Amino acid sequence: MAKSWKVKRPSIKPQSPGNQLRLTKAPGDEVFAGTVNQDGAVTVKVTKATGDTVLAGVIRLVGQAQSRRSRSEQFVADVRSVLH
């Protein structure tokens, strides 16, 4: 791969959801999942396992947050268990 190629990838800016950034990539440049190649076939090397991505980390954090009860939720559960 001696040439560069054009790609589109989703924008991560909150003020422009759904927009795509148009970038030029060269051999050795990093690309991310969701990047769309616009110039034919390219070969990429996977450098991170699925569980090591930023998205996987966000999903883990959301799951942890949803599995914990707030103080008020825990209080209500304790009172409910005493009254039943």
PDB file of N, CA and C in Angstrom:
ATOM      1  N   MET A   1       0.837  -1.178   0.000  1.00  0.00           N
ATOM      2  CA  MET A   1       0.000   0.000   0.000  1.00  0.00           C
ATOM      3  C   MET A   1       0.882   1.242   0.000  1.00  0.00           C
ATOM      4  N   ALA A   2       1.176   1.750  -1.108  1.00  0.00           N
ATOM      5  CA  ALA A   2       2.028   2.926  -1.198  1.00  0.00           C
ATOM      6  C   ALA A   2       1.225   4.199  -1.329  1.00  0.00           C
ATOM      7  N   LYS A   3      -0.081   4.080  -1.557  1.00  0.00           N
ATOM      8  CA  LYS A   3      -0.861   5.297  -1.775  1.00  0.00           C
ATOM      9  C   LYS A   3      -1.774   5.581  -0.599  1.00  0.00           C
ATOM     10  N   SER A   4      -2.279   6.784  -0.550  1.00  0.00           N
ATOM     11  CA  SER A   4      -3.253   7.146   0.479  1.00  0.00           C
ATOM     12  C   SER A   4      -4.651   6.897  -0.070  1.00  0.00           C
ATOM     13  N   TRP A   5      -5.637   6.909   0.815  1.00  0.00           N
ATOM     14  CA  TRP A   5      -7.014   6.712   0.392  1.00  0.00           C
ATOM     15  C   TRP A   5      -7.933   7.578   1.230  1.00  0.00           C
ATOM     16  N   LYS A   6      -9.112   7.830   0.703  1.00  0.00           N
ATOM     17  CA  LYS A   6     -10.083   8.677   1.388  1.00  0.00           C
ATOM     18  C   LYS A   6     -11.060   7.800   2.170  1.00  0.00           C
ATOM     19  N   VAL A   7     -11.417   8.258   3.361  1.00  0.00           N
ATOM     20  CA  VAL A   7     -12.364   7.537   4.210  1.00  0.00           C
ATOM     21  C   VAL A   7     -13.367   8.520   4.785  1.00  0.00           C
ATOM     22  N   LYS A   8     -14.496   7.988   5.245  1.00  0.00           N
ATOM     23  CA  LYS A   8     -15.475   8.748   6.023  1.00  0.00           C
ATOM     24  C   LYS A   8     -15.632   8.011   7.340  1.00  0.00           C
ATOM     25  N   ARG A   9     -15.675   8.743   8.434  1.00  0.00           N
ATOM     26  CA  ARG A   9     -15.958   8.108   9.714  1.00  0.00           C
ATOM     27  C   ARG A   9     -16.929   8.985  10.480  1.00  0.00           C
ATOM     28  N   PRO A  10     -17.719   8.373  11.364  1.00  0.00           N
ATOM     29  CA  PRO A  10     -18.702   9.145  12.126  1.00  0.00           C
ATOM     30  C   PRO A  10     -18.029  10.221  12.958  1.00  0.00           C
ATOM     31  N   SER A  11     -18.658  11.378  13.047  1.00  0.00           N
ATOM     32  CA  SER A  11     -18.150  12.466  13.878  1.00  0.00           C
ATOM     33  C   SER A  11     -18.479  12.168  15.330  1.00  0.00           C
ATOM     34  N   ILE A  12     -17.571  12.509  16.222  1.00  0.00           N
ATOM     35  CA  ILE A  12     -17.835  12.300  17.652  1.00  0.00           C
ATOM     36  C   ILE A  12     -18.185  13.595  18.354  1.00  0.00           C
ATOM     37  N   LYS A  13     -18.355  14.667  17.591  1.00  0.00           N
ATOM     38  CA  LYS A  13     -18.722  15.947  18.194  1.00  0.00           C
ATOM     39  C   LYS A  13     -20.212  15.941  18.536  1.00  0.00           C
ATOM     40  N   PRO A  14     -20.565  16.259  19.781  1.00  0.00           N
ATOM     41  CA  PRO A  14     -21.982  16.229  20.167  1.00  0.00           C
ATOM     42  C   PRO A  14     -22.844  17.224  19.397  1.00  0.00           C
ATOM     43  N   GLN A  15     -22.266  18.325  18.929  1.00  0.00           N
ATOM     44  CA  GLN A  15     -23.065  19.321  18.229  1.00  0.00           C
ATOM     45  C   GLN A  15     -23.368  18.922  16.796  1.00  0.00           C
ATOM     46  N   SER A  16     -22.757  17.842  16.307  1.00  0.00           N
ATOM     47  CA  SER A  16     -23.009  17.430  14.923  1.00  0.00           C
ATOM     48  C   SER A  16     -23.261  15.925  14.824  1.00  0.00           C
ATOM     49  N   PRO A  17     -24.261  15.407  15.557  1.00  0.00           N
ATOM     50  CA  PRO A  17     -24.518  13.970  15.498  1.00  0.00           C
ATOM     51  C   PRO A  17     -24.953  13.543  14.098  1.00  0.00           C
ATOM     52  N   GLY A  18     -24.479  12.408  13.682  1.00  0.00           N
ATOM     53  CA  GLY A  18     -24.857  11.878  12.382  1.00  0.00           C
ATOM     54  C   GLY A  18     -23.978  12.359  11.248  1.00  0.00           C
ATOM     55  N   ASN A  19     -23.176  13.386  11.481  1.00  0.00           N
ATOM     56  CA  ASN A  19     -22.284  13.879  10.437  1.00  0.00           C
ATOM     57  C   ASN A  19     -21.064  12.979  10.322  1.00  0.00           C
ATOM     58  N   GLN A  20     -20.472  12.963   9.141  1.00  0.00           N
ATOM     59  CA  GLN A  20     -19.283  12.164   8.925  1.00  0.00           C
ATOM     60  C   GLN A  20     -18.116  13.063   8.559  1.00  0.00           C
ATOM     61  N   LEU A  21     -16.941  12.715   9.064  1.00  0.00           N
ATOM     62  CA  LEU A  21     -15.722  13.437   8.724  1.00  0.00           C
ATOM     63  C   LEU A  21     -15.104  12.785   7.498  1.00  0.00           C
ATOM     64  N   ARG A  22     -14.675  13.589   6.546  1.00  0.00           N
ATOM     65  CA  ARG A  22     -13.978  13.074   5.378  1.00  0.00           C
ATOM     66  C   ARG A  22     -12.490  13.273   5.617  1.00  0.00           C
ATOM     67  N   LEU A  23     -11.748  12.178   5.620  1.00  0.00           N
ATOM     68  CA  LEU A  23     -10.331  12.196   5.931  1.00  0.00           C
ATOM     69  C   LEU A  23      -9.538  11.476   4.861  1.00  0.00           C
ATOM     70  N   THR A  24      -8.251  11.772   4.781  1.00  0.00           N
ATOM     71  CA  THR A  24      -7.346  11.019   3.919  1.00  0.00           C
ATOM     72  C   THR A  24      -6.428  10.219   4.829  1.00  0.00           C
ATOM     73  N   LYS A  25      -6.297   8.929   4.567  1.00  0.00           N
ATOM     74  CA  LYS A  25      -5.455   8.045   5.365  1.00  0.00           C
ATOM     75  C   LYS A  25      -4.322   7.524   4.505  1.00  0.00           C
ATOM     76  N   ALA A  26      -3.192   7.263   5.142  1.00  0.00           N
ATOM     77  CA  ALA A  26      -2.012   6.730   4.459  1.00  0.00           C
ATOM     78  C   ALA A  26      -1.604   5.434   5.150  1.00  0.00           C
ATOM     79  N   PRO A  27      -0.782   4.632   4.510  1.00  0.00           N
ATOM     80  CA  PRO A  27      -0.317   3.393   5.151  1.00  0.00           C
ATOM     81  C   PRO A  27       0.268   3.679   6.534  1.00  0.00           C
ATOM     82  N   GLY A  28      -0.151   2.883   7.524  1.00  0.00           N
ATOM     83  CA  GLY A  28       0.301   3.053   8.893  1.00  0.00           C
ATOM     84  C   GLY A  28      -0.613   3.913   9.747  1.00  0.00           C
ATOM     85  N   ASP A  29      -1.540   4.646   9.124  1.00  0.00           N
ATOM     86  CA  ASP A  29      -2.489   5.461   9.883  1.00  0.00           C
ATOM     87  C   ASP A  29      -3.499   4.569  10.592  1.00  0.00           C
ATOM     88  N   GLU A  30      -4.006   5.059  11.720  1.00  0.00           N
ATOM     89  CA  GLU A  30      -5.008   4.325  12.484  1.00  0.00           C
ATOM     90  C   GLU A  30      -6.403   4.622  11.939  1.00  0.00           C
ATOM     91  N   VAL A  31      -7.222   3.598  11.816  1.00  0.00           N
ATOM     92  CA  VAL A  31      -8.631   3.759  11.452  1.00  0.00           C
ATOM     93  C   VAL A  31      -9.462   3.091  12.542  1.00  0.00           C
ATOM     94  N   PHE A  32     -10.717   3.466  12.622  1.00  0.00           N
ATOM     95  CA  PHE A  32     -11.589   2.975  13.679  1.00  0.00           C
ATOM     96  C   PHE A  32     -12.761   2.205  13.088  1.00  0.00           C
ATOM     97  N   ALA A  33     -13.384   1.383  13.928  1.00  0.00           N
ATOM     98  CA  ALA A  33     -14.589   0.677  13.510  1.00  0.00           C
ATOM     99  C   ALA A  33     -15.618   1.708  13.071  1.00  0.00           C
ATOM    100  N   GLY A  34     -16.310   1.447  12.002  1.00  0.00           N
ATOM    101  CA  GLY A  34     -17.293   2.390  11.489  1.00  0.00           C
ATOM    102  C   GLY A  34     -16.738   3.295  10.409  1.00  0.00           C
ATOM    103  N   THR A  35     -15.428   3.205  10.148  1.00  0.00           N
ATOM    104  CA  THR A  35     -14.811   3.993   9.084  1.00  0.00           C
ATOM    105  C   THR A  35     -15.194   3.391   7.742  1.00  0.00           C
ATOM    106  N   VAL A  36     -15.591   4.233   6.813  1.00  0.00           N
ATOM    107  CA  VAL A  36     -16.003   3.781   5.484  1.00  0.00           C
ATOM    108  C   VAL A  36     -14.925   4.153   4.480  1.00  0.00           C
ATOM    109  N   ASN A  37     -14.364   3.153   3.816  1.00  0.00           N
ATOM    110  CA  ASN A  37     -13.349   3.374   2.796  1.00  0.00           C
ATOM    111  C   ASN A  37     -14.041   3.776   1.499  1.00  0.00           C
ATOM    112  N   GLN A  38     -13.578   4.836   0.848  1.00  0.00           N
ATOM    113  CA  GLN A  38     -14.204   5.323  -0.376  1.00  0.00           C
ATOM    114  C   GLN A  38     -13.372   5.054  -1.632  1.00  0.00           C
ATOM    115  N   ASP A  39     -12.205   4.457  -1.486  1.00  0.00           N
ATOM    116  CA  ASP A  39     -11.298   4.318  -2.626  1.00  0.00           C
ATOM    117  C   ASP A  39     -10.914   2.881  -2.949  1.00  0.00           C
ATOM    118  N   GLY A  40     -11.795   1.931  -2.864  1.00  0.00           N
ATOM    119  CA  GLY A  40     -11.446   0.554  -3.222  1.00  0.00           C
ATOM    120  C   GLY A  40     -10.966  -0.247  -2.031  1.00  0.00           C
ATOM    121  N   ALA A  41     -10.251  -1.338  -2.303  1.00  0.00           N
ATOM    122  CA  ALA A  41      -9.836  -2.280  -1.265  1.00  0.00           C
ATOM    123  C   ALA A  41      -8.594  -1.795  -0.520  1.00  0.00           C
ATOM    124  N   VAL A  42      -8.583  -2.008   0.780  1.00  0.00           N
ATOM    125  CA  VAL A  42      -7.414  -1.738   1.608  1.00  0.00           C
ATOM    126  C   VAL A  42      -7.231  -2.897   2.577  1.00  0.00           C
ATOM    127  N   THR A  43      -6.040  -3.041   3.100  1.00  0.00           N
ATOM    128  CA  THR A  43      -5.752  -4.052   4.107  1.00  0.00           C
ATOM    129  C   THR A  43      -5.505  -3.331   5.423  1.00  0.00           C
ATOM    130  N   VAL A  44      -6.176  -3.792   6.474  1.00  0.00           N
ATOM    131  CA  VAL A  44      -5.998  -3.176   7.786  1.00  0.00           C
ATOM    132  C   VAL A  44      -5.546  -4.236   8.783  1.00  0.00           C
ATOM    133  N   LYS A  45      -4.850  -3.794   9.809  1.00  0.00           N
ATOM    134  CA  LYS A  45      -4.391  -4.685  10.870  1.00  0.00           C
ATOM    135  C   LYS A  45      -5.202  -4.384  12.128  1.00  0.00           C
ATOM    136  N   VAL A  46      -5.806  -5.410  12.710  1.00  0.00           N
ATOM    137  CA  VAL A  46      -6.576  -5.244  13.940  1.00  0.00           C
ATOM    138  C   VAL A  46      -5.595  -5.157  15.099  1.00  0.00           C
ATOM    139  N   THR A  47      -5.680  -4.072  15.882  1.00  0.00           N
ATOM    140  CA  THR A  47      -4.741  -3.862  16.985  1.00  0.00           C
ATOM    141  C   THR A  47      -5.385  -3.959  18.357  1.00  0.00           C
ATOM    142  N   LYS A  48      -6.704  -4.026  18.419  1.00  0.00           N
ATOM    143  CA  LYS A  48      -7.394  -4.143  19.700  1.00  0.00           C
ATOM    144  C   LYS A  48      -8.475  -5.203  19.609  1.00  0.00           C
ATOM    145  N   ALA A  49      -8.623  -5.952  20.691  1.00  0.00           N
ATOM    146  CA  ALA A  49      -9.707  -6.928  20.768  1.00  0.00           C
ATOM    147  C   ALA A  49     -11.023  -6.193  20.957  1.00  0.00           C
ATOM    148  N   THR A  50     -12.112  -6.838  20.627  1.00  0.00           N
ATOM    149  CA  THR A  50     -13.432  -6.226  20.726  1.00  0.00           C
ATOM    150  C   THR A  50     -13.693  -5.649  22.113  1.00  0.00           C
ATOM    151  N   GLY A  51     -13.279  -6.334  23.150  1.00  0.00           N
ATOM    152  CA  GLY A  51     -13.527  -5.879  24.516  1.00  0.00           C
ATOM    153  C   GLY A  51     -12.649  -4.728  24.965  1.00  0.00           C
ATOM    154  N   ASP A  52     -11.654  -4.355  24.164  1.00  0.00           N
ATOM    155  CA  ASP A  52     -10.727  -3.285  24.543  1.00  0.00           C
ATOM    156  C   ASP A  52     -11.040  -1.949  23.884  1.00  0.00           C
ATOM    157  N   THR A  53     -12.144  -1.841  23.198  1.00  0.00           N
ATOM    158  CA  THR A  53     -12.471  -0.604  22.490  1.00  0.00           C
ATOM    159  C   THR A  53     -13.112   0.413  23.429  1.00  0.00           C
ATOM    160  N   VAL A  54     -13.137   1.652  23.012  1.00  0.00           N
ATOM    161  CA  VAL A  54     -13.789   2.713  23.796  1.00  0.00           C
ATOM    162  C   VAL A  54     -15.270   2.399  23.961  1.00  0.00           C
ATOM    163  N   LEU A  55     -15.907   1.951  22.880  1.00  0.00           N
ATOM    164  CA  LEU A  55     -17.336   1.618  22.951  1.00  0.00           C
ATOM    165  C   LEU A  55     -17.591   0.514  23.965  1.00  0.00           C
ATOM    166  N   ALA A  56     -16.752  -0.512  23.974  1.00  0.00           N
ATOM    167  CA  ALA A  56     -16.914  -1.593  24.944  1.00  0.00           C
ATOM    168  C   ALA A  56     -16.774  -1.066  26.369  1.00  0.00           C
ATOM    169  N   GLY A  57     -15.858  -0.123  26.577  1.00  0.00           N
ATOM    170  CA  GLY A  57     -15.690   0.481  27.901  1.00  0.00           C
ATOM    171  C   GLY A  57     -16.914   1.269  28.331  1.00  0.00           C
ATOM    172  N   VAL A  58     -17.494   2.012  27.407  1.00  0.00           N
ATOM    173  CA  VAL A  58     -18.712   2.775  27.707  1.00  0.00           C
ATOM    174  C   VAL A  58     -19.849   1.821  28.061  1.00  0.00           C
ATOM    175  N   ILE A  59     -19.985   0.758  27.291  1.00  0.00           N
ATOM    176  CA  ILE A  59     -21.045  -0.227  27.558  1.00  0.00           C
ATOM    177  C   ILE A  59     -20.852  -0.849  28.938  1.00  0.00           C
ATOM    178  N   ARG A  60     -19.608  -1.165  29.305  1.00  0.00           N
ATOM    179  CA  ARG A  60     -19.326  -1.723  30.632  1.00  0.00           C
ATOM    180  C   ARG A  60     -19.717  -0.742  31.730  1.00  0.00           C
ATOM    181  N   LEU A  61     -19.337   0.529  31.575  1.00  0.00           N
ATOM    182  CA  LEU A  61     -19.654   1.532  32.590  1.00  0.00           C
ATOM    183  C   LEU A  61     -21.150   1.745  32.749  1.00  0.00           C
ATOM    184  N   VAL A  62     -21.878   1.763  31.651  1.00  0.00           N
ATOM    185  CA  VAL A  62     -23.337   1.917  31.715  1.00  0.00           C
ATOM    186  C   VAL A  62     -23.953   0.725  32.434  1.00  0.00           C
ATOM    187  N   GLY A  63     -23.490  -0.471  32.114  1.00  0.00           N
ATOM    188  CA  GLY A  63     -23.998  -1.670  32.783  1.00  0.00           C
ATOM    189  C   GLY A  63     -23.742  -1.639  34.282  1.00  0.00           C
ATOM    190  N   GLN A  64     -22.547  -1.202  34.674  1.00  0.00           N
ATOM    191  CA  GLN A  64     -22.229  -1.107  36.100  1.00  0.00           C
ATOM    192  C   GLN A  64     -23.116  -0.079  36.787  1.00  0.00           C
ATOM    193  N   ALA A  65     -23.313   1.055  36.140  1.00  0.00           N
ATOM    194  CA  ALA A  65     -24.146   2.103  36.732  1.00  0.00           C
ATOM    195  C   ALA A  65     -25.587   1.642  36.884  1.00  0.00           C
ATOM    196  N   GLN A  66     -26.080   0.906  35.904  1.00  0.00           N
ATOM    197  CA  GLN A  66     -27.466   0.449  35.969  1.00  0.00           C
ATOM    198  C   GLN A  66     -27.650  -0.659  36.990  1.00  0.00           C
ATOM    199  N   SER A  67     -26.593  -1.381  37.317  1.00  0.00           N
ATOM    200  CA  SER A  67     -26.727  -2.485  38.265  1.00  0.00           C
ATOM    201  C   SER A  67     -26.649  -2.022  39.718  1.00  0.00           C
ATOM    202  N   ARG A  68     -26.238  -0.791  39.950  1.00  0.00           N
ATOM    203  CA  ARG A  68     -26.136  -0.253  41.307  1.00  0.00           C
ATOM    204  C   ARG A  68     -27.363   0.576  41.647  1.00  0.00           C
ATOM    205  N   ARG A  69     -27.765   0.484  42.892  1.00  0.00           N
ATOM    206  CA  ARG A  69     -28.892   1.286  43.352  1.00  0.00           C
ATOM    207  C   ARG A  69     -28.386   2.557  44.006  1.00  0.00           C
ATOM    208  N   SER A  70     -29.134   3.632  43.828  1.00  0.00           N
ATOM    209  CA  SER A  70     -28.809   4.870  44.535  1.00  0.00           C
ATOM    210  C   SER A  70     -29.176   4.691  46.004  1.00  0.00           C
ATOM    211  N   ARG A  71     -28.747   5.622  46.837  1.00  0.00           N
ATOM    212  CA  ARG A  71     -29.075   5.542  48.271  1.00  0.00           C
ATOM    213  C   ARG A  71     -30.581   5.518  48.499  1.00  0.00           C
ATOM    214  N   SER A  72     -31.298   6.370  47.755  1.00  0.00           N
ATOM    215  CA  SER A  72     -32.752   6.430  47.954  1.00  0.00           C
ATOM    216  C   SER A  72     -33.416   5.130  47.492  1.00  0.00           C
ATOM    217  N   GLU A  73     -32.939   4.569  46.392  1.00  0.00           N
ATOM    218  CA  GLU A  73     -33.503   3.291  45.928  1.00  0.00           C
ATOM    219  C   GLU A  73     -33.227   2.186  46.938  1.00  0.00           C
ATOM    220  N   GLN A  74     -32.032   2.176  47.531  1.00  0.00           N
ATOM    221  CA  GLN A  74     -31.697   1.162  48.528  1.00  0.00           C
ATOM    222  C   GLN A  74     -32.549   1.351  49.776  1.00  0.00           C
ATOM    223  N   PHE A  75     -32.772   2.602  50.186  1.00  0.00           N
ATOM    224  CA  PHE A  75     -33.609   2.889  51.350  1.00  0.00           C
ATOM    225  C   PHE A  75     -35.032   2.372  51.134  1.00  0.00           C
ATOM    226  N   VAL A  76     -35.598   2.666  49.970  1.00  0.00           N
ATOM    227  CA  VAL A  76     -36.957   2.200  49.658  1.00  0.00           C
ATOM    228  C   VAL A  76     -37.012   0.679  49.685  1.00  0.00           C
ATOM    229  N   ALA A  77     -36.008   0.020  49.112  1.00  0.00           N
ATOM    230  CA  ALA A  77     -35.987  -1.449  49.115  1.00  0.00           C
ATOM    231  C   ALA A  77     -35.906  -1.989  50.540  1.00  0.00           C
ATOM    232  N   ASP A  78     -35.103  -1.337  51.403  1.00  0.00           N
ATOM    233  CA  ASP A  78     -34.997  -1.778  52.801  1.00  0.00           C
ATOM    234  C   ASP A  78     -36.311  -1.607  53.538  1.00  0.00           C
ATOM    235  N   VAL A  79     -36.957  -0.454  53.361  1.00  0.00           N
ATOM    236  CA  VAL A  79     -38.245  -0.208  54.022  1.00  0.00           C
ATOM    237  C   VAL A  79     -39.285  -1.201  53.538  1.00  0.00           C
ATOM    238  N   ARG A  80     -39.310  -1.436  52.224  1.00  0.00           N
ATOM    239  CA  ARG A  80     -40.274  -2.385  51.652  1.00  0.00           C
ATOM    240  C   ARG A  80     -40.086  -3.778  52.244  1.00  0.00           C
ATOM    241  N   SER A  81     -38.841  -4.204  52.402  1.00  0.00           N
ATOM    242  CA  SER A  81     -38.582  -5.550  52.948  1.00  0.00           C
ATOM    243  C   SER A  81     -39.021  -5.640  54.405  1.00  0.00           C
ATOM    244  N   VAL A  82     -38.926  -4.543  55.158  1.00  0.00           N
ATOM    245  CA  VAL A  82     -39.356  -4.548  56.570  1.00  0.00           C
ATOM    246  C   VAL A  82     -40.885  -4.568  56.653  1.00  0.00           C
ATOM    247  N   LEU A  83     -41.561  -3.836  55.764  1.00  0.00           N
ATOM    248  CA  LEU A  83     -43.010  -3.733  55.825  1.00  0.00           C
ATOM    249  C   LEU A  83     -43.715  -4.961  55.268  1.00  0.00           C
ATOM    250  N   HIS A  84     -43.061  -5.733  54.467  1.00  0.00           N
ATOM    251  CA  HIS A  84     -43.709  -6.930  53.915  1.00  0.00           C
ATOM    252  C   HIS A  84     -43.543  -8.072  54.806  1.00  0.00           C
TER     253      HIS A  84
END
